[in-house]
Amino acid sequence: MRGARHAKWAAAAAAVALAATACGGGGSGGGGGGDGVLSAWWGDPQNPLEPANTTEVQGGKVLDMVTRGLKRYNPKTGAAENMVAEKIETTDAQNFTVKLKDWKFSNGEKVTAESFVRAWNYGANVKNKQKGAPFFGYIEGYDKVHPEKGDPTAETLSGLKVVDEKTFTVKLNQKFSTWPETLGYAAFAPLPKAFFDDHDAWVSKPVGNGPYTVENYAKGSAMNLKKWEEYPGPDKAQNNGVDLRVYTENTAAYNDLVAGNLDLLDDVPAAQLQNVKNDVGGRYASPPAGIIQTLAFPFYKPEWKTEGAAKVRKGISRAINRKQITESIFHGTRTPATDWTSPVLKEEGGYKAGLCGADCEYDAAEAKKLITEGGGIPGGQLKISYNADGGSHKDWVDAVCNSINNALGDNRACVGNPIGTFADFRSKVTKGEMDGPFRAGWQMDYPLIQNFLEPLYYTDASSNDGKWSSPAFDKLMNEANAEVDTKKAVETYQKAEKAVADDMAAIPLWYQNGSVAYSDRVSNVALNPFSIPVYSEIKVN
């Protein structure tokens, strides 16, 4: 039964596939200039920019500029470093004491313990319909403020207590030694009194405690952010502001960039990957990101739970020539996956190259053998579902099917199954209406191996769309969460990942790189491990 302790992070997978929306506009031409102001491609956020209600990339970009939480993920290493927190202490991995630095919001109000506690209570309460509410699922009392059914029996989380202006305590409903490492996620940002006093006004022009302030927001057109001169943090903006321009699709943005009418594009069209370096004079980068693409399976369908089905899934995996596909379709901006996490975690963070073993290596003969031994493809034909509006999804799904068909010697063994828009596709996925494998992607919420495993594979976790279940995996995840020694915790998480591998709960395809191209007006351009531009460090010439 799904409980609060494992109701996890449903919409992060959506972030990977969201396309830019609305049309280009806003700002001036010629690079969008203004003195020291950066012009950048953007897509309208899915939801209002409330921290606990923003679970996709485009809204997250704004929150990363206008808010700061207890922690911030280092834009180079991904390490969770104290920001508003002076220190976070625990003696038992379940009860934590948080002490704050001196900080303020851009409207002059102090950031206090109450600023965090009130914000977290708002985010967790089911009545406020915050999509990121499950992020508070580890805090004691979540089941009372956010029951699975019926009305809440409490208004606030019993695990949160304000001690004084700069101190509060947190009690979790289970041991979770690395819980502080999750606190760089935007859902945990503090909120000023203005958010509660005039909510509509705040939503139209968010007030935060980060290095930028929102000047204007015209939905469907642009958002203009200005450097906050009195920002108290160490990561002050190196430019005077950022003009985020909304585009209907990234090809128009690419053309504007090449023409000198846009400074920054962090979603280079797949069709232009082979041309971009020449088109922008070498001002292009494609660093690794905490994103993995997989094929998920509907384990709620009996045919995918048979004794031989694991062999079939492993056979399908062995029939996919990842190296050829990543080179021909993605021109090196993807790397064949050999585990279920991401190389950005590094070994100390839980990444283990080759954990998938031979099951992720192309071998046509072995693929055919495994699928035959497993009883053949259920229904006689593999239909890989994906959202039709997802940029290059059709290209790579067709390439995967061609690889499988060639390996099996049957040009009808696998076909792509496009499903309308992303919303249509996700609706069918969440309703459990998939008959065969379907495209799945995961962009990390925070750089921990736990985030690549628990939300996707723990029994009834909210992003476990295929409904895979393994008591052995669940047990190991619980043990790892409770382990105080970080090295031992990582080793236990990897044992849990091995359970995913043994049953091929999902087929890992490739790790995704980010992509960013920029004009000659700007310098010091970089993407963080989440594949988001580090806007505050970009300098405008």
Protein backbone atom coordinates (compact mmCIF):
# COMPACT_ATOMS: atom_id res chain seq x y z
CA MET A 1 0.00 0.00 0.00
CA ARG A 2 1.33 3.40 -0.91
CA GLY A 3 2.11 5.45 2.17
CA ALA A 4 3.48 8.89 2.85
CA ARG A 5 6.97 7.63 3.50
CA HIS A 6 7.33 6.53 -0.09
CA ALA A 7 4.99 8.89 -1.96
CA LYS A 8 7.72 10.34 -4.11
CA TRP A 9 8.47 12.97 -6.71
CA ALA A 10 6.01 12.13 -9.45
CA ALA A 11 6.55 14.96 -11.86
CA ALA A 12 10.31 15.00 -12.18
CA ALA A 13 10.13 12.45 -14.97
CA ALA A 14 7.84 14.87 -16.78
CA ALA A 15 10.53 17.50 -16.64
CA VAL A 16 12.73 15.51 -19.02
CA ALA A 17 10.19 15.49 -21.82
CA LEU A 18 8.54 18.89 -21.58
CA ALA A 19 8.94 20.89 -24.76
CA ALA A 20 9.10 24.67 -24.97
CA THR A 21 5.71 26.29 -25.33
CA ALA A 22 4.27 29.54 -26.73
CA CYS A 23 5.91 31.91 -29.18
CA GLY A 24 9.02 34.03 -29.32
CA GLY A 25 8.80 37.55 -28.02
CA GLY A 26 9.80 40.05 -25.38
CA GLY A 27 12.90 42.15 -25.00
CA SER A 28 14.82 44.05 -27.63
CA GLY A 29 16.62 42.71 -30.67
CA GLY A 30 20.34 42.46 -31.29
CA GLY A 31 20.99 39.87 -28.61
CA GLY A 32 18.28 41.16 -26.32
CA GLY A 33 20.83 43.45 -24.77
CA GLY A 34 20.09 46.22 -22.43
CA ASP A 35 23.23 46.98 -20.43
CA GLY A 36 24.58 43.71 -19.14
CA VAL A 37 21.27 41.85 -19.54
CA LEU A 38 21.26 38.30 -20.88
CA SER A 39 18.54 37.15 -23.30
CA ALA A 40 17.73 33.45 -23.09
CA TRP A 41 15.36 30.83 -24.53
CA TRP A 42 12.58 29.73 -22.20
CA GLY A 43 9.35 27.73 -22.08
CA ASP A 44 6.35 28.84 -20.05
CA PRO A 45 6.11 26.96 -16.72
CA GLN A 46 3.41 24.34 -16.38
CA ASN A 47 2.24 25.64 -12.99
CA PRO A 48 2.34 28.86 -10.96
CA LEU A 49 5.84 29.50 -9.60
CA GLU A 50 5.12 28.37 -6.05
CA PRO A 51 8.20 26.41 -4.93
CA ALA A 52 6.23 23.29 -3.95
CA ASN A 53 4.13 23.45 -7.12
CA THR A 54 6.95 23.70 -9.65
CA THR A 55 8.07 20.27 -10.73
CA GLU A 56 9.34 20.88 -14.26
CA VAL A 57 12.45 22.39 -15.78
CA GLN A 58 11.27 25.75 -17.05
CA GLY A 59 9.70 26.86 -13.78
CA GLY A 60 12.68 25.44 -11.95
CA LYS A 61 14.99 27.76 -13.89
CA VAL A 62 13.21 30.78 -12.41
CA LEU A 63 13.12 29.42 -8.87
CA ASP A 64 16.85 28.73 -9.08
CA MET A 65 17.34 32.44 -9.73
CA VAL A 66 14.86 33.98 -7.29
CA THR A 67 14.98 31.59 -4.30
CA ARG A 68 17.60 30.05 -2.04
CA GLY A 69 16.94 27.16 0.34
CA LEU A 70 18.82 25.62 3.22
CA LYS A 71 21.16 23.94 0.74
CA ARG A 72 22.29 24.65 -2.81
CA TYR A 73 23.79 22.16 -5.22
CA ASN A 74 27.25 23.21 -6.32
CA PRO A 75 26.89 24.15 -10.02
CA LYS A 76 30.11 22.32 -10.88
CA THR A 77 30.17 19.26 -8.61
CA GLY A 78 26.50 18.86 -7.65
CA ALA A 79 27.47 18.61 -3.96
CA ALA A 80 24.81 19.83 -1.51
CA GLU A 81 26.31 22.85 0.26
CA ASN A 82 24.85 25.00 3.02
CA MET A 83 23.21 28.18 1.75
CA VAL A 84 20.65 29.71 4.15
CA ALA A 85 21.46 26.95 6.65
CA GLU A 86 24.28 27.68 9.07
CA LYS A 87 24.24 24.01 10.08
CA ILE A 88 21.95 20.97 10.10
CA GLU A 89 22.64 18.48 12.88
CA THR A 90 21.38 15.05 13.91
CA THR A 91 22.43 12.31 16.31
CA ASP A 92 20.09 9.57 15.13
CA ALA A 93 19.36 10.24 11.39
CA GLN A 94 15.71 10.91 12.25
CA ASN A 95 15.65 14.09 14.37
CA PHE A 96 17.35 17.15 12.86
CA THR A 97 18.07 20.65 14.20
CA VAL A 98 18.39 23.43 11.62
CA LYS A 99 20.11 26.74 12.38
CA LEU A 100 19.93 29.63 9.90
CA LYS A 101 22.30 32.35 8.74
CA ASP A 102 21.25 35.99 8.66
CA TRP A 103 19.27 36.36 5.43
CA LYS A 104 16.41 38.36 3.97
CA PHE A 105 13.87 38.35 1.16
CA SER A 106 14.11 40.92 -1.63
CA ASN A 107 11.20 42.86 -0.05
CA GLY A 108 13.31 43.41 3.07
CA GLU A 109 11.60 40.80 5.28
CA LYS A 110 13.86 38.57 7.36
CA VAL A 111 14.18 34.90 6.45
CA THR A 112 13.34 33.09 9.69
CA ALA A 113 12.64 29.58 10.91
CA GLU A 114 8.96 30.43 10.50
CA SER A 115 9.61 31.28 6.81
CA PHE A 116 10.64 27.65 6.24
CA VAL A 117 8.17 25.91 8.55
CA ARG A 118 5.16 27.81 7.21
CA ALA A 119 6.26 27.21 3.59
CA TRP A 120 6.74 23.47 4.16
CA ASN A 121 3.38 23.15 5.91
CA TYR A 122 1.74 24.92 2.98
CA GLY A 123 3.49 22.67 0.47
CA ALA A 124 2.54 19.47 2.30
CA ASN A 125 -1.14 20.22 2.96
CA VAL A 126 -3.38 18.39 0.50
CA LYS A 127 -5.82 21.32 0.40
CA ASN A 128 -3.23 23.48 -1.33
CA LYS A 129 -2.86 21.01 -4.23
CA GLN A 130 0.90 21.40 -4.55
CA LYS A 131 2.38 18.96 -7.06
CA GLY A 132 5.60 18.74 -5.08
CA ALA A 133 3.85 17.83 -1.82
CA PRO A 134 5.36 14.31 -1.73
CA PHE A 135 8.79 15.87 -1.15
CA PHE A 136 7.62 16.43 2.42
CA GLY A 137 6.55 12.79 2.74
CA TYR A 138 9.41 11.87 5.05
CA ILE A 139 8.41 14.44 7.71
CA GLU A 140 6.36 13.11 10.61
CA GLY A 141 2.67 13.92 10.26
CA TYR A 142 2.58 13.97 6.46
CA ASP A 143 -0.09 11.26 6.43
CA LYS A 144 -2.31 13.53 8.54
CA VAL A 145 -1.98 16.66 6.39
CA HIS A 146 -1.90 14.77 3.10
CA PRO A 147 -3.98 11.57 3.42
CA GLU A 148 -4.41 9.36 0.39
CA LYS A 149 -8.17 9.62 0.80
CA GLY A 150 -10.49 12.00 2.57
CA ASP A 151 -9.84 15.29 4.31
CA PRO A 152 -6.70 16.08 6.33
CA THR A 153 -6.94 15.53 10.07
CA ALA A 154 -4.20 18.10 10.78
CA GLU A 155 -3.25 21.44 9.28
CA THR A 156 0.48 21.30 9.98
CA LEU A 157 3.25 18.71 10.04
CA SER A 158 3.77 17.44 13.58
CA GLY A 159 7.44 16.89 12.77
CA LEU A 160 8.18 20.61 12.36
CA LYS A 161 8.79 22.85 15.39
CA VAL A 162 10.01 26.46 15.53
CA VAL A 163 12.53 26.86 18.37
CA ASP A 164 13.47 30.51 17.88
CA GLU A 165 13.83 33.03 15.07
CA LYS A 166 16.80 31.22 13.53
CA THR A 167 16.24 27.60 14.68
CA PHE A 168 13.73 24.86 13.91
CA THR A 169 13.62 21.09 14.35
CA VAL A 170 12.50 18.35 12.00
CA LYS A 171 11.40 14.85 12.96
CA LEU A 172 11.17 12.30 10.15
CA ASN A 173 8.84 9.28 10.14
CA GLN A 174 11.81 6.98 9.52
CA LYS A 175 15.58 7.20 9.59
CA PHE A 176 17.02 8.85 6.49
CA SER A 177 20.65 9.79 7.04
CA THR A 178 21.07 11.70 3.78
CA TRP A 179 17.82 13.65 4.09
CA PRO A 180 19.68 16.99 4.44
CA GLU A 181 21.16 16.39 0.98
CA THR A 182 17.66 16.68 -0.52
CA LEU A 183 17.12 20.20 0.82
CA GLY A 184 18.59 22.00 -2.18
CA TYR A 185 15.46 21.11 -4.13
CA ALA A 186 13.21 24.12 -4.83
CA ALA A 187 10.18 22.70 -2.99
CA PHE A 188 12.02 23.34 0.29
CA ALA A 189 12.52 27.08 -0.34
CA PRO A 190 11.27 29.56 2.30
CA LEU A 191 8.31 31.85 1.65
CA PRO A 192 7.77 35.44 2.83
CA LYS A 193 4.63 36.63 4.60
CA ALA A 194 3.60 38.32 1.33
CA PHE A 195 2.96 34.86 -0.17
CA PHE A 196 0.23 34.23 2.41
CA ASP A 197 -1.07 37.81 2.77
CA ASP A 198 -1.76 38.34 -0.96
CA HIS A 199 -1.23 35.06 -2.75
CA ASP A 200 -2.48 36.18 -6.17
CA ALA A 201 -0.14 39.18 -6.18
CA TRP A 202 2.79 36.99 -5.20
CA VAL A 203 2.06 34.46 -7.94
CA SER A 204 1.94 37.20 -10.58
CA LYS A 205 5.28 38.60 -9.36
CA PRO A 206 7.11 36.15 -7.07
CA VAL A 207 9.21 37.52 -4.21
CA GLY A 208 12.13 35.38 -3.10
CA ASN A 209 15.52 35.46 -1.42
CA GLY A 210 17.78 34.63 -4.40
CA PRO A 211 20.17 36.73 -6.49
CA TYR A 212 17.46 37.99 -8.88
CA THR A 213 14.06 39.66 -8.55
CA VAL A 214 11.15 39.31 -10.98
CA GLU A 215 10.46 42.61 -12.74
CA ASN A 216 7.77 41.57 -15.24
CA TYR A 217 6.05 38.39 -16.37
CA ALA A 218 3.86 38.22 -19.47
CA LYS A 219 2.67 34.62 -19.70
CA GLY A 220 3.29 33.18 -23.14
CA SER A 221 5.79 35.90 -23.98
CA ALA A 222 8.59 36.68 -21.52
CA MET A 223 9.82 37.09 -17.97
CA ASN A 224 12.31 39.80 -17.05
CA LEU A 225 14.55 39.31 -14.04
CA LYS A 226 16.82 41.92 -12.50
CA LYS A 227 19.96 41.50 -10.40
CA TRP A 228 19.21 42.05 -6.71
CA GLU A 229 21.97 44.36 -5.56
CA GLU A 230 21.42 43.65 -1.85
CA TYR A 231 21.40 39.88 -2.18
CA PRO A 232 23.09 38.53 0.99
CA GLY A 233 24.41 35.26 -0.46
CA PRO A 234 27.90 34.42 -1.74
CA ASP A 235 26.73 33.62 -5.29
CA LYS A 236 25.85 37.13 -6.48
CA ALA A 237 24.76 37.65 -10.08
CA GLN A 238 27.57 38.51 -12.50
CA ASN A 239 25.19 40.22 -14.93
CA ASN A 240 22.51 42.88 -14.53
CA GLY A 241 19.58 40.63 -15.34
CA VAL A 242 18.06 37.90 -17.47
CA ASP A 243 15.33 38.26 -20.09
CA LEU A 244 13.66 34.87 -20.53
CA ARG A 245 11.88 34.67 -23.90
CA VAL A 246 9.20 32.12 -24.63
CA TYR A 247 9.31 30.17 -27.91
CA THR A 248 6.86 27.68 -29.40
CA GLU A 249 9.72 25.43 -30.51
CA ASN A 250 13.46 25.49 -30.27
CA THR A 251 14.16 25.81 -34.01
CA ALA A 252 12.95 29.42 -33.96
CA ALA A 253 15.14 30.09 -30.94
CA TYR A 254 18.11 28.50 -32.72
CA ASN A 255 17.59 30.72 -35.74
CA ASP A 256 17.44 33.80 -33.49
CA LEU A 257 20.67 32.75 -31.80
CA VAL A 258 22.49 32.27 -35.10
CA ALA A 259 21.16 35.63 -36.34
CA GLY A 260 22.44 37.41 -33.23
CA ASN A 261 19.01 38.10 -31.75
CA LEU A 262 19.35 35.78 -28.74
CA ASP A 263 22.21 35.17 -26.32
CA LEU A 264 21.55 31.72 -24.88
CA LEU A 265 19.83 28.49 -25.97
CA ASP A 266 20.01 25.44 -23.72
CA ASP A 267 17.92 23.14 -25.92
CA VAL A 268 19.69 22.83 -29.28
CA PRO A 269 17.43 21.06 -31.83
CA ALA A 270 18.55 17.49 -32.54
CA ALA A 271 18.61 18.28 -36.26
CA GLN A 272 21.20 21.00 -35.63
CA LEU A 273 23.57 19.10 -33.35
CA GLN A 274 25.92 18.35 -36.23
CA ASN A 275 25.93 22.01 -37.33
CA VAL A 276 25.82 23.99 -34.12
CA LYS A 277 29.56 24.41 -33.53
CA ASN A 278 30.08 25.94 -36.95
CA ASP A 279 26.90 28.00 -36.78
CA VAL A 280 27.87 29.72 -33.51
CA GLY A 281 31.62 29.90 -33.93
CA GLY A 282 32.39 27.10 -31.47
CA ARG A 283 30.38 28.64 -28.62
CA TYR A 284 28.73 25.37 -27.68
CA ALA A 285 29.03 22.83 -24.87
CA SER A 286 27.44 19.44 -24.15
CA PRO A 287 28.36 18.36 -20.61
CA PRO A 288 26.94 15.26 -18.87
CA ALA A 289 23.69 15.78 -16.98
CA GLY A 290 21.84 13.87 -14.27
CA ILE A 291 19.37 12.46 -16.80
CA ILE A 292 18.80 8.89 -17.96
CA GLN A 293 16.48 7.55 -20.68
CA THR A 294 14.90 4.13 -20.16
CA LEU A 295 12.23 1.82 -21.49
CA ALA A 296 9.68 1.00 -18.80
CA PHE A 297 7.32 -1.98 -18.80
CA PRO A 298 3.71 -2.44 -17.66
CA PHE A 299 4.12 -4.99 -14.87
CA TYR A 300 0.40 -4.62 -14.20
CA LYS A 301 -0.06 -6.72 -17.36
CA PRO A 302 0.22 -10.48 -16.54
CA GLU A 303 2.29 -11.23 -19.65
CA TRP A 304 5.13 -9.03 -18.38
CA LYS A 305 5.23 -10.76 -14.98
CA THR A 306 5.67 -14.35 -16.15
CA GLU A 307 8.71 -16.38 -15.17
CA GLY A 308 10.25 -15.96 -18.61
CA ALA A 309 9.45 -12.27 -19.06
CA ALA A 310 12.70 -11.16 -17.40
CA LYS A 311 14.61 -13.10 -20.06
CA VAL A 312 12.55 -11.39 -22.76
CA ARG A 313 13.33 -7.95 -21.31
CA LYS A 314 17.04 -8.80 -21.16
CA GLY A 315 16.86 -10.06 -24.73
CA ILE A 316 15.28 -6.83 -25.88
CA SER A 317 18.02 -4.91 -24.09
CA ARG A 318 20.72 -6.96 -25.83
CA ALA A 319 19.07 -6.28 -29.20
CA ILE A 320 19.55 -2.49 -28.82
CA ASN A 321 22.76 -1.14 -30.34
CA ARG A 322 23.14 1.83 -27.98
CA LYS A 323 26.50 2.95 -29.36
CA GLN A 324 25.27 3.14 -32.94
CA ILE A 325 22.05 4.96 -31.96
CA THR A 326 23.72 7.56 -29.74
CA GLU A 327 26.24 8.35 -32.46
CA SER A 328 23.88 8.44 -35.45
CA ILE A 329 20.84 10.08 -33.84
CA PHE A 330 22.32 12.19 -31.07
CA HIS A 331 25.81 12.91 -32.46
CA GLY A 332 27.55 12.09 -29.19
CA THR A 333 25.22 14.06 -26.89
CA ARG A 334 24.10 10.79 -25.33
CA THR A 335 26.23 8.04 -23.77
CA PRO A 336 25.17 4.37 -23.71
CA ALA A 337 23.91 3.53 -20.22
CA THR A 338 25.48 0.71 -18.23
CA ASP A 339 23.50 1.22 -15.01
CA TRP A 340 20.28 2.89 -13.82
CA THR A 341 21.74 6.13 -12.38
CA SER A 342 24.04 8.75 -13.96
CA PRO A 343 27.79 9.32 -14.22
CA VAL A 344 27.36 12.79 -12.69
CA LEU A 345 26.95 11.05 -9.32
CA LYS A 346 30.50 9.75 -9.64
CA GLU A 347 31.54 6.57 -7.84
CA GLU A 348 31.34 8.08 -4.37
CA GLY A 349 27.75 9.12 -5.06
CA GLY A 350 26.61 5.69 -6.21
CA TYR A 351 27.27 5.54 -9.94
CA LYS A 352 28.68 2.13 -10.86
CA ALA A 353 29.76 1.79 -14.48
CA GLY A 354 28.96 -1.62 -15.91
CA LEU A 355 26.52 -2.69 -13.19
CA CYS A 356 24.13 -3.82 -15.94
CA GLY A 357 26.85 -6.11 -17.29
CA ALA A 358 26.37 -8.03 -20.52
CA ASP A 359 22.62 -7.34 -20.45
CA CYS A 360 23.30 -3.81 -21.69
CA GLU A 361 25.73 -4.90 -24.43
CA TYR A 362 24.56 -5.43 -28.00
CA ASP A 363 24.59 -9.08 -29.06
CA ALA A 364 22.07 -10.09 -31.72
CA ALA A 365 22.51 -13.83 -31.29
CA GLU A 366 22.15 -13.70 -27.51
CA ALA A 367 19.15 -11.38 -27.84
CA LYS A 368 17.33 -13.84 -30.05
CA LYS A 369 18.21 -16.73 -27.75
CA LEU A 370 16.98 -15.00 -24.58
CA ILE A 371 13.70 -13.88 -26.15
CA THR A 372 13.04 -17.40 -27.46
CA GLU A 373 13.87 -19.00 -24.09
CA GLY A 374 11.59 -16.49 -22.35
CA GLY A 375 8.59 -17.48 -24.46
CA GLY A 376 8.80 -14.76 -27.12
CA ILE A 377 7.58 -11.19 -27.20
CA PRO A 378 4.13 -10.95 -25.55
CA GLY A 379 1.49 -10.55 -28.23
CA GLY A 380 4.04 -11.27 -30.94
CA GLN A 381 5.03 -7.65 -31.51
CA LEU A 382 6.80 -5.05 -29.39
CA LYS A 383 5.09 -1.65 -29.52
CA ILE A 384 7.16 1.13 -27.93
CA SER A 385 4.94 4.03 -26.89
CA TYR A 386 6.13 7.63 -26.75
CA ASN A 387 4.73 11.15 -26.94
CA ALA A 388 4.63 12.30 -30.56
CA ASP A 389 5.38 15.94 -29.69
CA GLY A 390 8.70 15.11 -28.04
CA GLY A 391 11.27 16.40 -30.51
CA SER A 392 13.57 13.50 -31.44
CA HIS A 393 11.61 10.73 -29.72
CA LYS A 394 10.32 9.31 -33.01
CA ASP A 395 13.86 9.18 -34.42
CA TRP A 396 15.34 7.22 -31.57
CA VAL A 397 12.33 4.94 -31.05
CA ASP A 398 12.43 4.04 -34.75
CA ALA A 399 16.18 3.43 -34.45
CA VAL A 400 15.67 1.20 -31.40
CA CYS A 401 13.02 -0.80 -33.26
CA ASN A 402 15.24 -1.13 -36.34
CA SER A 403 18.01 -2.46 -34.11
CA ILE A 404 15.67 -4.99 -32.49
CA ASN A 405 14.20 -6.04 -35.85
CA ASN A 406 17.66 -6.55 -37.35
CA ALA A 407 18.81 -8.57 -34.35
CA LEU A 408 15.75 -10.82 -34.47
CA GLY A 409 15.60 -11.05 -38.26
CA ASP A 410 11.99 -9.87 -38.29
CA ASN A 411 11.15 -6.39 -39.58
CA ARG A 412 7.81 -6.44 -37.74
CA ALA A 413 9.09 -7.55 -34.34
CA CYS A 414 9.11 -3.95 -33.07
CA VAL A 415 7.22 -0.79 -34.05
CA GLY A 416 6.93 2.67 -32.59
CA ASN A 417 3.59 3.69 -31.09
CA PRO A 418 3.24 7.51 -31.05
CA ILE A 419 0.67 8.93 -28.63
CA GLY A 420 -0.43 12.52 -29.21
CA THR A 421 0.91 15.15 -26.88
CA PHE A 422 3.02 14.74 -23.78
CA ALA A 423 -0.13 15.28 -21.71
CA ASP A 424 -1.97 12.53 -23.61
CA PHE A 425 0.96 10.17 -23.21
CA ARG A 426 1.41 10.82 -19.49
CA SER A 427 -2.31 10.44 -18.92
CA LYS A 428 -2.24 6.93 -20.38
CA VAL A 429 0.90 6.07 -18.44
CA THR A 430 -0.48 7.20 -15.08
CA LYS A 431 -3.81 5.47 -15.71
CA GLY A 432 -2.01 2.17 -16.35
CA GLU A 433 -3.11 1.89 -19.98
CA MET A 434 0.19 0.76 -21.52
CA ASP A 435 0.25 -2.68 -23.20
CA GLY A 436 3.97 -2.80 -23.88
CA PRO A 437 7.19 -0.87 -23.18
CA PHE A 438 7.04 2.90 -23.07
CA ARG A 439 9.48 5.78 -23.07
CA ALA A 440 10.54 6.86 -19.61
CA GLY A 441 13.05 9.47 -18.57
CA TRP A 442 14.35 10.67 -15.23
CA GLN A 443 16.06 13.91 -14.34
CA MET A 444 17.45 13.86 -10.84
CA ASP A 445 15.82 16.06 -8.23
CA TYR A 446 18.99 15.96 -6.17
CA PRO A 447 22.34 14.22 -6.76
CA LEU A 448 21.85 11.03 -4.73
CA ILE A 449 21.65 7.45 -5.98
CA GLN A 450 18.54 7.12 -3.80
CA ASN A 451 16.73 9.58 -6.09
CA PHE A 452 17.38 7.42 -9.17
CA LEU A 453 16.02 4.30 -7.47
CA GLU A 454 13.34 4.84 -4.84
CA PRO A 455 10.90 7.08 -6.75
CA LEU A 456 10.97 4.74 -9.75
CA TYR A 457 11.21 1.21 -8.36
CA TYR A 458 10.01 1.14 -4.75
CA THR A 459 6.65 -0.64 -4.44
CA ASP A 460 3.85 1.84 -5.20
CA ALA A 461 6.16 4.85 -5.29
CA SER A 462 4.41 7.62 -7.19
CA SER A 463 6.81 7.57 -10.18
CA ASN A 464 6.82 3.76 -10.38
CA ASP A 465 4.66 3.96 -13.51
CA GLY A 466 5.19 0.33 -14.50
CA LYS A 467 4.22 -0.94 -11.00
CA TRP A 468 7.30 -3.14 -10.67
CA SER A 469 7.62 -4.55 -7.17
CA SER A 470 10.35 -6.41 -5.32
CA PRO A 471 10.33 -7.06 -1.55
CA ALA A 472 14.11 -7.55 -1.70
CA PHE A 473 14.61 -4.17 -3.35
CA ASP A 474 12.29 -2.43 -0.85
CA LYS A 475 14.10 -3.99 2.10
CA LEU A 476 17.51 -2.89 0.84
CA MET A 477 16.29 0.66 0.18
CA ASN A 478 14.95 0.91 3.73
CA GLU A 479 18.27 -0.32 5.09
CA ALA A 480 20.24 2.13 2.96
CA ASN A 481 18.06 5.08 4.00
CA ALA A 482 18.65 4.27 7.66
CA GLU A 483 22.41 3.80 7.30
CA VAL A 484 24.38 6.66 8.89
CA ASP A 485 27.70 5.79 7.25
CA THR A 486 27.54 7.30 3.76
CA LYS A 487 29.86 4.76 2.16
CA LYS A 488 27.87 1.84 3.59
CA ALA A 489 24.62 3.49 2.52
CA VAL A 490 25.87 3.81 -1.07
CA GLU A 491 26.95 0.15 -1.08
CA THR A 492 23.48 -0.90 0.10
CA TYR A 493 21.77 1.29 -2.50
CA GLN A 494 23.89 -0.45 -5.14
CA LYS A 495 22.76 -3.85 -3.86
CA ALA A 496 19.20 -2.61 -4.34
CA GLU A 497 20.10 -1.47 -7.85
CA LYS A 498 21.40 -4.97 -8.55
CA ALA A 499 17.88 -6.26 -7.79
CA VAL A 500 16.60 -3.90 -10.49
CA ALA A 501 19.23 -5.29 -12.86
CA ASP A 502 18.51 -8.95 -12.09
CA ASP A 503 14.87 -8.55 -13.12
CA MET A 504 15.54 -5.87 -15.78
CA ALA A 505 12.80 -3.75 -14.18
CA ALA A 506 13.46 -1.17 -16.90
CA ILE A 507 15.90 -1.12 -19.81
CA PRO A 508 18.54 1.60 -19.42
CA LEU A 509 19.22 3.21 -22.79
CA TRP A 510 21.55 6.20 -22.44
CA TYR A 511 22.68 9.00 -20.21
CA GLN A 512 21.78 12.40 -21.52
CA ASN A 513 24.09 15.35 -21.96
CA GLY A 514 22.92 18.91 -21.79
CA SER A 515 23.38 21.24 -24.74
CA VAL A 516 23.98 24.97 -24.69
CA ALA A 517 24.92 27.42 -27.42
CA TYR A 518 25.50 31.13 -26.91
CA SER A 519 26.31 34.41 -28.62
CA ASP A 520 29.59 36.32 -28.71
CA ARG A 521 28.13 38.85 -26.25
CA VAL A 522 28.39 36.47 -23.31
CA SER A 523 31.08 34.45 -21.54
CA ASN A 524 31.52 32.09 -18.59
CA VAL A 525 28.58 29.99 -19.81
CA ALA A 526 28.07 26.62 -18.12
CA LEU A 527 25.35 24.08 -17.35
CA ASN A 528 25.00 22.62 -13.87
CA PRO A 529 24.67 18.84 -13.29
CA PHE A 530 20.90 19.21 -13.77
CA SER A 531 21.52 20.56 -17.29
CA ILE A 532 20.35 24.06 -16.31
CA PRO A 533 22.35 27.19 -17.24
CA VAL A 534 24.14 28.79 -14.29
CA TYR A 535 22.57 32.14 -15.14
CA SER A 536 24.10 34.03 -12.22
CA GLU A 537 27.66 33.29 -13.38
CA ILE A 538 27.20 34.33 -17.02
CA LYS A 539 28.93 37.58 -17.93
CA VAL A 540 27.54 39.90 -20.59
CA ASN A 541 30.23 41.69 -22.59
